[in-house]
Amino acid sequence: MDQFLQSIDQALLGQEAFSMGRILLSLLVAILLSWVLAWTYVASFRGLSFQSTLVQSQIILAVIVALIMHVVGDSIARAFGMFGALALIRFRTPIKDSWDTVFLFAAVAIGLSSGTERYGAALVGTLVLCPLILFLSWTRFGTRHRHDGLLRIRVRAGEEPRNELTRLLDHFCRRRHLVHMREVAEDREDAWVEHAYQLSLVHKNLASQLIDSLLGLEDCRQVSLLMQEDEIQP
């Protein structure tokens, strides 16, 4: 019992206390920097299915990697043992977006830098990477589409309904391009024509107003607007 108490005193007052302080510092650095990374992910996200668990996983992953680096240290045997243990883990959740993969790799890099006590590299890397990600996301770098969305609508055959549709599109759109038009037979008495337009809206938040206006036309039905943006503000 006395030896056990002495070992606790040595751990708290001796070299172990110093090691625990270093570990705690590296974990705190990993938490703070991965928190910045997670915030950057939320601000730059453009996918279709946002998962808050992925945001939290970035912070946890960085902390885990930093802790692993302290456990491994300079021991090759422990490194191989840790590698064998991690190889047994099978990740069954697929990562659908390469954007998510980038952030997971960044979280691992932060954990590695923090765990090896290379705080300068971790800090500089985060300060360079996060603004770069935000810049690429906000400027839409690499995008090629010139239109905001694809509109499909069925209009009663005739000159007057088509003029009403044209008037509304000219009001809400900067540009529009008719890519498809075909006649559909919904009943024997009336003739309807399906139009498909590529649209560039005056502002993307006008999408819901455009749909409401088209639905308000008596001679229009089955309005469908597929936006290339990930979300539409009402």
C-alpha atoms as a PDB file:
ATOM      1  CA  MET A   1       0.000   0.000   0.000  1.00  0.00           C
ATOM      2  CA  ASP A   2       2.858   2.356   0.883  1.00  0.00           C
ATOM      3  CA  GLN A   3       4.587   1.638  -2.399  1.00  0.00           C
ATOM      4  CA  PHE A   4       1.341   2.383  -4.222  1.00  0.00           C
ATOM      5  CA  LEU A   5       1.014   5.751  -2.471  1.00  0.00           C
ATOM      6  CA  GLN A   6       4.637   6.573  -3.186  1.00  0.00           C
ATOM      7  CA  SER A   7       4.142   5.805  -6.856  1.00  0.00           C
ATOM      8  CA  ILE A   8       1.159   8.176  -6.893  1.00  0.00           C
ATOM      9  CA  ASP A   9       3.259  10.915  -5.279  1.00  0.00           C
ATOM     10  CA  GLN A  10       6.000  10.395  -7.830  1.00  0.00           C
ATOM     11  CA  ALA A  11       3.482  10.506 -10.640  1.00  0.00           C
ATOM     12  CA  LEU A  12       2.011  13.780  -9.388  1.00  0.00           C
ATOM     13  CA  LEU A  13       5.252  15.488  -8.320  1.00  0.00           C
ATOM     14  CA  GLY A  14       7.919  13.884 -10.471  1.00  0.00           C
ATOM     15  CA  GLN A  15       8.620  13.288 -14.096  1.00  0.00           C
ATOM     16  CA  GLU A  16       5.161  11.833 -14.751  1.00  0.00           C
ATOM     17  CA  ALA A  17       3.520  15.114 -13.765  1.00  0.00           C
ATOM     18  CA  PHE A  18       5.672  16.890 -16.321  1.00  0.00           C
ATOM     19  CA  SER A  19       4.683  14.323 -18.960  1.00  0.00           C
ATOM     20  CA  MET A  20       1.024  14.664 -18.075  1.00  0.00           C
ATOM     21  CA  GLY A  21       1.309  18.424 -18.486  1.00  0.00           C
ATOM     22  CA  ARG A  22       2.829  18.001 -21.935  1.00  0.00           C
ATOM     23  CA  ILE A  23       0.109  15.557 -22.948  1.00  0.00           C
ATOM     24  CA  LEU A  24      -2.598  17.882 -21.683  1.00  0.00           C
ATOM     25  CA  LEU A  25      -1.101  20.798 -23.589  1.00  0.00           C
ATOM     26  CA  SER A  26      -0.953  18.849 -26.844  1.00  0.00           C
ATOM     27  CA  LEU A  27      -4.548  17.700 -26.429  1.00  0.00           C
ATOM     28  CA  LEU A  28      -5.729  21.250 -25.775  1.00  0.00           C
ATOM     29  CA  VAL A  29      -3.918  22.467 -28.889  1.00  0.00           C
ATOM     30  CA  ALA A  30      -5.525  19.672 -30.905  1.00  0.00           C
ATOM     31  CA  ILE A  31      -8.972  20.608 -29.561  1.00  0.00           C
ATOM     32  CA  LEU A  32      -8.606  24.321 -30.319  1.00  0.00           C
ATOM     33  CA  LEU A  33      -7.203  23.907 -33.818  1.00  0.00           C
ATOM     34  CA  SER A  34      -9.632  21.152 -34.778  1.00  0.00           C
ATOM     35  CA  TRP A  35     -12.440  23.379 -33.466  1.00  0.00           C
ATOM     36  CA  VAL A  36     -11.361  26.029 -35.972  1.00  0.00           C
ATOM     37  CA  LEU A  37     -11.264  23.355 -38.659  1.00  0.00           C
ATOM     38  CA  ALA A  38     -14.760  22.143 -37.776  1.00  0.00           C
ATOM     39  CA  TRP A  39     -16.125  25.692 -37.898  1.00  0.00           C
ATOM     40  CA  THR A  40     -14.537  26.081 -41.338  1.00  0.00           C
ATOM     41  CA  TYR A  41     -16.292  22.898 -42.459  1.00  0.00           C
ATOM     42  CA  VAL A  42     -19.670  24.237 -41.337  1.00  0.00           C
ATOM     43  CA  ALA A  43     -19.093  27.596 -43.038  1.00  0.00           C
ATOM     44  CA  SER A  44     -17.917  26.082 -46.327  1.00  0.00           C
ATOM     45  CA  PHE A  45     -20.272  23.099 -46.550  1.00  0.00           C
ATOM     46  CA  ARG A  46     -22.067  22.829 -49.911  1.00  0.00           C
ATOM     47  CA  GLY A  47     -23.215  19.216 -49.913  1.00  0.00           C
ATOM     48  CA  LEU A  48     -26.713  17.811 -49.879  1.00  0.00           C
ATOM     49  CA  SER A  49     -26.658  15.950 -46.566  1.00  0.00           C
ATOM     50  CA  PHE A  50     -25.112  17.822 -43.653  1.00  0.00           C
ATOM     51  CA  GLN A  51     -24.096  15.635 -40.722  1.00  0.00           C
ATOM     52  CA  SER A  52     -23.320  17.204 -37.382  1.00  0.00           C
ATOM     53  CA  THR A  53     -21.623  13.976 -36.316  1.00  0.00           C
ATOM     54  CA  LEU A  54     -18.947  14.554 -38.965  1.00  0.00           C
ATOM     55  CA  VAL A  55     -18.253  17.988 -37.501  1.00  0.00           C
ATOM     56  CA  GLN A  56     -17.852  16.507 -34.039  1.00  0.00           C
ATOM     57  CA  SER A  57     -15.782  13.638 -35.398  1.00  0.00           C
ATOM     58  CA  GLN A  58     -13.147  16.059 -36.679  1.00  0.00           C
ATOM     59  CA  ILE A  59     -12.474  17.350 -33.174  1.00  0.00           C
ATOM     60  CA  ILE A  60     -12.528  13.898 -31.601  1.00  0.00           C
ATOM     61  CA  LEU A  61     -10.316  12.449 -34.335  1.00  0.00           C
ATOM     62  CA  ALA A  62      -7.661  15.120 -33.836  1.00  0.00           C
ATOM     63  CA  VAL A  63      -7.592  14.459 -30.080  1.00  0.00           C
ATOM     64  CA  ILE A  64      -7.386  10.692 -30.565  1.00  0.00           C
ATOM     65  CA  VAL A  65      -4.513  10.967 -33.049  1.00  0.00           C
ATOM     66  CA  ALA A  66      -2.629  13.321 -30.722  1.00  0.00           C
ATOM     67  CA  LEU A  67      -3.072  10.872 -27.850  1.00  0.00           C
ATOM     68  CA  ILE A  68      -1.919   7.978 -30.024  1.00  0.00           C
ATOM     69  CA  MET A  69       1.254   9.853 -30.918  1.00  0.00           C
ATOM     70  CA  HIS A  70       2.036  10.259 -27.214  1.00  0.00           C
ATOM     71  CA  VAL A  71       1.410   6.571 -26.595  1.00  0.00           C
ATOM     72  CA  VAL A  72       3.585   5.481 -29.506  1.00  0.00           C
ATOM     73  CA  GLY A  73       6.415   7.911 -28.826  1.00  0.00           C
ATOM     74  CA  ASP A  74       9.722   6.727 -30.244  1.00  0.00           C
ATOM     75  CA  SER A  75       8.977   3.034 -29.781  1.00  0.00           C
ATOM     76  CA  ILE A  76       8.855   1.109 -33.048  1.00  0.00           C
ATOM     77  CA  ALA A  77       7.309  -1.887 -31.289  1.00  0.00           C
ATOM     78  CA  ARG A  78       4.444   0.221 -29.938  1.00  0.00           C
ATOM     79  CA  ALA A  79       3.994   1.798 -33.359  1.00  0.00           C
ATOM     80  CA  PHE A  80       3.577  -1.611 -35.004  1.00  0.00           C
ATOM     81  CA  GLY A  81       1.276  -2.751 -32.218  1.00  0.00           C
ATOM     82  CA  MET A  82      -0.880   0.341 -32.575  1.00  0.00           C
ATOM     83  CA  PHE A  83      -0.971  -0.111 -36.338  1.00  0.00           C
ATOM     84  CA  GLY A  84      -2.136  -3.712 -35.906  1.00  0.00           C
ATOM     85  CA  ALA A  85      -4.846  -2.670 -33.479  1.00  0.00           C
ATOM     86  CA  LEU A  86      -6.137   0.067 -35.784  1.00  0.00           C
ATOM     87  CA  ALA A  87      -6.094  -2.345 -38.732  1.00  0.00           C
ATOM     88  CA  LEU A  88      -8.740  -4.412 -36.956  1.00  0.00           C
ATOM     89  CA  ILE A  89     -11.176  -1.491 -37.060  1.00  0.00           C
ATOM     90  CA  ARG A  90     -13.461  -1.514 -40.078  1.00  0.00           C
ATOM     91  CA  PHE A  91     -15.110   1.736 -41.034  1.00  0.00           C
ATOM     92  CA  ARG A  92     -18.476   0.740 -42.420  1.00  0.00           C
ATOM     93  CA  THR A  93     -19.763   4.268 -42.961  1.00  0.00           C
ATOM     94  CA  PRO A  94     -18.852   5.358 -46.494  1.00  0.00           C
ATOM     95  CA  ILE A  95     -17.668   8.909 -47.118  1.00  0.00           C
ATOM     96  CA  LYS A  96     -19.725  10.098 -50.063  1.00  0.00           C
ATOM     97  CA  ASP A  97     -18.109  13.495 -50.571  1.00  0.00           C
ATOM     98  CA  SER A  98     -14.412  14.095 -51.190  1.00  0.00           C
ATOM     99  CA  TRP A  99     -14.850  17.398 -49.329  1.00  0.00           C
ATOM    100  CA  ASP A 100     -15.487  15.427 -46.127  1.00  0.00           C
ATOM    101  CA  THR A 101     -12.372  13.341 -46.747  1.00  0.00           C
ATOM    102  CA  VAL A 102     -10.258  16.491 -46.970  1.00  0.00           C
ATOM    103  CA  PHE A 103     -11.409  17.639 -43.548  1.00  0.00           C
ATOM    104  CA  LEU A 104     -10.817  14.243 -41.971  1.00  0.00           C
ATOM    105  CA  PHE A 105      -7.261  14.237 -43.326  1.00  0.00           C
ATOM    106  CA  ALA A 106      -6.806  17.760 -41.994  1.00  0.00           C
ATOM    107  CA  ALA A 107      -8.001  16.639 -38.555  1.00  0.00           C
ATOM    108  CA  VAL A 108      -5.484  13.789 -38.640  1.00  0.00           C
ATOM    109  CA  ALA A 109      -2.719  16.240 -39.591  1.00  0.00           C
ATOM    110  CA  ILE A 110      -3.621  18.499 -36.667  1.00  0.00           C
ATOM    111  CA  GLY A 111      -3.589  15.520 -34.319  1.00  0.00           C
ATOM    112  CA  LEU A 112      -0.213  14.328 -35.606  1.00  0.00           C
ATOM    113  CA  SER A 113       1.336  17.779 -35.275  1.00  0.00           C
ATOM    114  CA  SER A 114      -0.089  18.320 -31.789  1.00  0.00           C
ATOM    115  CA  GLY A 115       0.820  14.831 -30.603  1.00  0.00           C
ATOM    116  CA  THR A 116       4.434  15.270 -31.682  1.00  0.00           C
ATOM    117  CA  GLU A 117       4.476  18.716 -30.009  1.00  0.00           C
ATOM    118  CA  ARG A 118       5.092  20.546 -33.256  1.00  0.00           C
ATOM    119  CA  TYR A 119       2.673  23.276 -32.334  1.00  0.00           C
ATOM    120  CA  GLY A 120       4.100  25.782 -34.794  1.00  0.00           C
ATOM    121  CA  ALA A 121       3.412  23.486 -37.729  1.00  0.00           C
ATOM    122  CA  ALA A 122      -0.095  22.748 -36.447  1.00  0.00           C
ATOM    123  CA  LEU A 123      -0.892  26.442 -35.956  1.00  0.00           C
ATOM    124  CA  VAL A 124       0.553  27.639 -39.261  1.00  0.00           C
ATOM    125  CA  GLY A 125      -1.084  24.779 -41.147  1.00  0.00           C
ATOM    126  CA  THR A 126      -4.495  25.593 -39.669  1.00  0.00           C
ATOM    127  CA  LEU A 127      -4.121  29.330 -40.306  1.00  0.00           C
ATOM    128  CA  VAL A 128      -3.241  28.666 -43.940  1.00  0.00           C
ATOM    129  CA  LEU A 129      -5.651  25.805 -44.649  1.00  0.00           C
ATOM    130  CA  CYS A 130      -8.864  27.221 -43.184  1.00  0.00           C
ATOM    131  CA  PRO A 131      -8.786  30.589 -45.017  1.00  0.00           C
ATOM    132  CA  LEU A 132      -7.863  28.734 -48.208  1.00  0.00           C
ATOM    133  CA  ILE A 133     -10.887  26.443 -47.832  1.00  0.00           C
ATOM    134  CA  LEU A 134     -13.205  29.385 -47.188  1.00  0.00           C
ATOM    135  CA  PHE A 135     -11.820  31.262 -50.192  1.00  0.00           C
ATOM    136  CA  LEU A 136     -12.302  28.302 -52.539  1.00  0.00           C
ATOM    137  CA  SER A 137     -15.812  27.703 -51.236  1.00  0.00           C
ATOM    138  CA  TRP A 138     -17.049  31.299 -51.300  1.00  0.00           C
ATOM    139  CA  THR A 139     -15.562  32.092 -54.719  1.00  0.00           C
ATOM    140  CA  ARG A 140     -16.936  28.847 -56.211  1.00  0.00           C
ATOM    141  CA  PHE A 141     -13.515  28.098 -57.626  1.00  0.00           C
ATOM    142  CA  GLY A 142     -13.627  25.304 -60.202  1.00  0.00           C
ATOM    143  CA  THR A 143     -17.353  25.490 -60.947  1.00  0.00           C
ATOM    144  CA  ARG A 144     -18.320  25.492 -64.605  1.00  0.00           C
ATOM    145  CA  HIS A 145     -22.092  25.836 -64.645  1.00  0.00           C
ATOM    146  CA  ARG A 146     -23.527  29.115 -65.910  1.00  0.00           C
ATOM    147  CA  HIS A 147     -27.063  28.485 -64.748  1.00  0.00           C
ATOM    148  CA  ASP A 148     -28.635  28.306 -61.321  1.00  0.00           C
ATOM    149  CA  GLY A 149     -31.148  25.589 -62.022  1.00  0.00           C
ATOM    150  CA  LEU A 150     -33.408  23.648 -64.360  1.00  0.00           C
ATOM    151  CA  LEU A 151     -37.100  24.529 -64.607  1.00  0.00           C
ATOM    152  CA  ARG A 152     -39.692  22.075 -65.914  1.00  0.00           C
ATOM    153  CA  ILE A 153     -43.253  23.242 -66.411  1.00  0.00           C
ATOM    154  CA  ARG A 154     -46.313  22.242 -68.410  1.00  0.00           C
ATOM    155  CA  VAL A 155     -48.134  25.046 -70.219  1.00  0.00           C
ATOM    156  CA  ARG A 156     -51.440  24.918 -72.029  1.00  0.00           C
ATOM    157  CA  ALA A 157     -50.900  25.124 -75.765  1.00  0.00           C
ATOM    158  CA  GLY A 158     -51.498  28.590 -77.158  1.00  0.00           C
ATOM    159  CA  GLU A 159     -49.841  31.957 -77.584  1.00  0.00           C
ATOM    160  CA  GLU A 160     -51.299  33.675 -74.508  1.00  0.00           C
ATOM    161  CA  PRO A 161     -50.116  31.140 -71.845  1.00  0.00           C
ATOM    162  CA  ARG A 162     -46.653  31.135 -73.396  1.00  0.00           C
ATOM    163  CA  ASN A 163     -46.502  34.944 -73.230  1.00  0.00           C
ATOM    164  CA  GLU A 164     -47.447  34.907 -69.537  1.00  0.00           C
ATOM    165  CA  LEU A 165     -44.716  32.371 -68.856  1.00  0.00           C
ATOM    166  CA  THR A 166     -42.163  34.456 -70.751  1.00  0.00           C
ATOM    167  CA  ARG A 167     -43.137  37.572 -68.819  1.00  0.00           C
ATOM    168  CA  LEU A 168     -42.561  35.891 -65.462  1.00  0.00           C
ATOM    169  CA  LEU A 169     -39.257  34.360 -66.513  1.00  0.00           C
ATOM    170  CA  ASP A 170     -37.991  37.712 -67.765  1.00  0.00           C
ATOM    171  CA  HIS A 171     -38.887  39.244 -64.401  1.00  0.00           C
ATOM    172  CA  PHE A 172     -37.118  36.672 -62.205  1.00  0.00           C
ATOM    173  CA  CYS A 173     -34.214  35.600 -64.437  1.00  0.00           C
ATOM    174  CA  ARG A 174     -31.103  37.250 -65.764  1.00  0.00           C
ATOM    175  CA  ARG A 175     -30.772  34.586 -68.430  1.00  0.00           C
ATOM    176  CA  ARG A 176     -32.876  31.678 -69.598  1.00  0.00           C
ATOM    177  CA  HIS A 177     -32.358  29.048 -72.219  1.00  0.00           C
ATOM    178  CA  LEU A 178     -35.010  26.686 -73.550  1.00  0.00           C
ATOM    179  CA  VAL A 179     -33.391  23.242 -73.702  1.00  0.00           C
ATOM    180  CA  HIS A 180     -36.405  21.010 -74.232  1.00  0.00           C
ATOM    181  CA  MET A 181     -40.016  21.275 -75.373  1.00  0.00           C
ATOM    182  CA  ARG A 182     -42.485  18.497 -76.128  1.00  0.00           C
ATOM    183  CA  GLU A 183     -46.223  18.099 -76.413  1.00  0.00           C
ATOM    184  CA  VAL A 184     -47.954  15.968 -73.797  1.00  0.00           C
ATOM    185  CA  ALA A 185     -51.486  14.612 -73.956  1.00  0.00           C
ATOM    186  CA  GLU A 186     -53.079  14.879 -70.522  1.00  0.00           C
ATOM    187  CA  ASP A 187     -56.607  14.606 -71.876  1.00  0.00           C
ATOM    188  CA  ARG A 188     -58.356  14.591 -75.217  1.00  0.00           C
ATOM    189  CA  GLU A 189     -59.691  18.127 -75.074  1.00  0.00           C
ATOM    190  CA  ASP A 190     -56.683  20.217 -74.027  1.00  0.00           C
ATOM    191  CA  ALA A 191     -53.178  20.188 -75.441  1.00  0.00           C
ATOM    192  CA  TRP A 192     -50.263  20.854 -73.105  1.00  0.00           C
ATOM    193  CA  VAL A 193     -46.619  21.533 -73.841  1.00  0.00           C
ATOM    194  CA  GLU A 194     -43.793  20.701 -71.442  1.00  0.00           C
ATOM    195  CA  HIS A 195     -40.986  23.256 -71.321  1.00  0.00           C
ATOM    196  CA  ALA A 196     -37.541  22.792 -69.796  1.00  0.00           C
ATOM    197  CA  TYR A 197     -35.444  25.909 -69.156  1.00  0.00           C
ATOM    198  CA  GLN A 198     -31.970  26.476 -67.825  1.00  0.00           C
ATOM    199  CA  LEU A 199     -32.241  29.541 -65.612  1.00  0.00           C
ATOM    200  CA  SER A 200     -29.940  32.121 -64.123  1.00  0.00           C
ATOM    201  CA  LEU A 201     -31.950  33.925 -61.456  1.00  0.00           C
ATOM    202  CA  VAL A 202     -31.615  37.577 -60.551  1.00  0.00           C
ATOM    203  CA  HIS A 203     -30.984  36.272 -57.028  1.00  0.00           C
ATOM    204  CA  LYS A 204     -31.035  32.672 -55.866  1.00  0.00           C
ATOM    205  CA  ASN A 205     -33.408  33.512 -52.995  1.00  0.00           C
ATOM    206  CA  LEU A 206     -36.097  34.333 -55.560  1.00  0.00           C
ATOM    207  CA  ALA A 207     -36.515  30.656 -56.456  1.00  0.00           C
ATOM    208  CA  SER A 208     -39.467  30.095 -54.125  1.00  0.00           C
ATOM    209  CA  GLN A 209     -41.174  33.282 -55.367  1.00  0.00           C
ATOM    210  CA  LEU A 210     -40.722  32.135 -58.951  1.00  0.00           C
ATOM    211  CA  ILE A 211     -42.383  28.819 -58.185  1.00  0.00           C
ATOM    212  CA  ASP A 212     -45.302  30.502 -56.411  1.00  0.00           C
ATOM    213  CA  SER A 213     -45.791  32.887 -59.316  1.00  0.00           C
ATOM    214  CA  LEU A 214     -45.765  30.070 -61.854  1.00  0.00           C
ATOM    215  CA  LEU A 215     -48.242  28.052 -59.826  1.00  0.00           C
ATOM    216  CA  GLY A 216     -50.486  31.103 -59.760  1.00  0.00           C
ATOM    217  CA  LEU A 217     -50.841  31.035 -63.539  1.00  0.00           C
ATOM    218  CA  GLU A 218     -54.071  29.420 -64.613  1.00  0.00           C
ATOM    219  CA  ASP A 219     -52.567  27.742 -67.677  1.00  0.00           C
ATOM    220  CA  CYS A 220     -49.455  26.317 -65.973  1.00  0.00           C
ATOM    221  CA  ARG A 221     -49.077  23.158 -63.920  1.00  0.00           C
ATOM    222  CA  GLN A 222     -46.524  20.622 -62.679  1.00  0.00           C
ATOM    223  CA  VAL A 223     -43.812  23.160 -61.885  1.00  0.00           C
ATOM    224  CA  SER A 224     -40.453  21.626 -60.963  1.00  0.00           C
ATOM    225  CA  LEU A 225     -37.316  23.660 -60.245  1.00  0.00           C
ATOM    226  CA  LEU A 226     -34.066  21.789 -59.640  1.00  0.00           C
ATOM    227  CA  MET A 227     -31.438  24.156 -58.276  1.00  0.00           C
ATOM    228  CA  GLN A 228     -27.714  23.562 -58.538  1.00  0.00           C
ATOM    229  CA  GLU A 229     -27.287  25.351 -55.231  1.00  0.00           C
ATOM    230  CA  ASP A 230     -27.432  23.097 -52.178  1.00  0.00           C
ATOM    231  CA  GLU A 231     -30.055  25.130 -50.349  1.00  0.00           C
ATOM    232  CA  ILE A 232     -32.601  27.813 -51.123  1.00  0.00           C
ATOM    233  CA  GLN A 233     -33.568  30.556 -48.729  1.00  0.00           C
ATOM    234  CA  PRO A 234     -37.348  31.164 -48.725  1.00  0.00           C
END
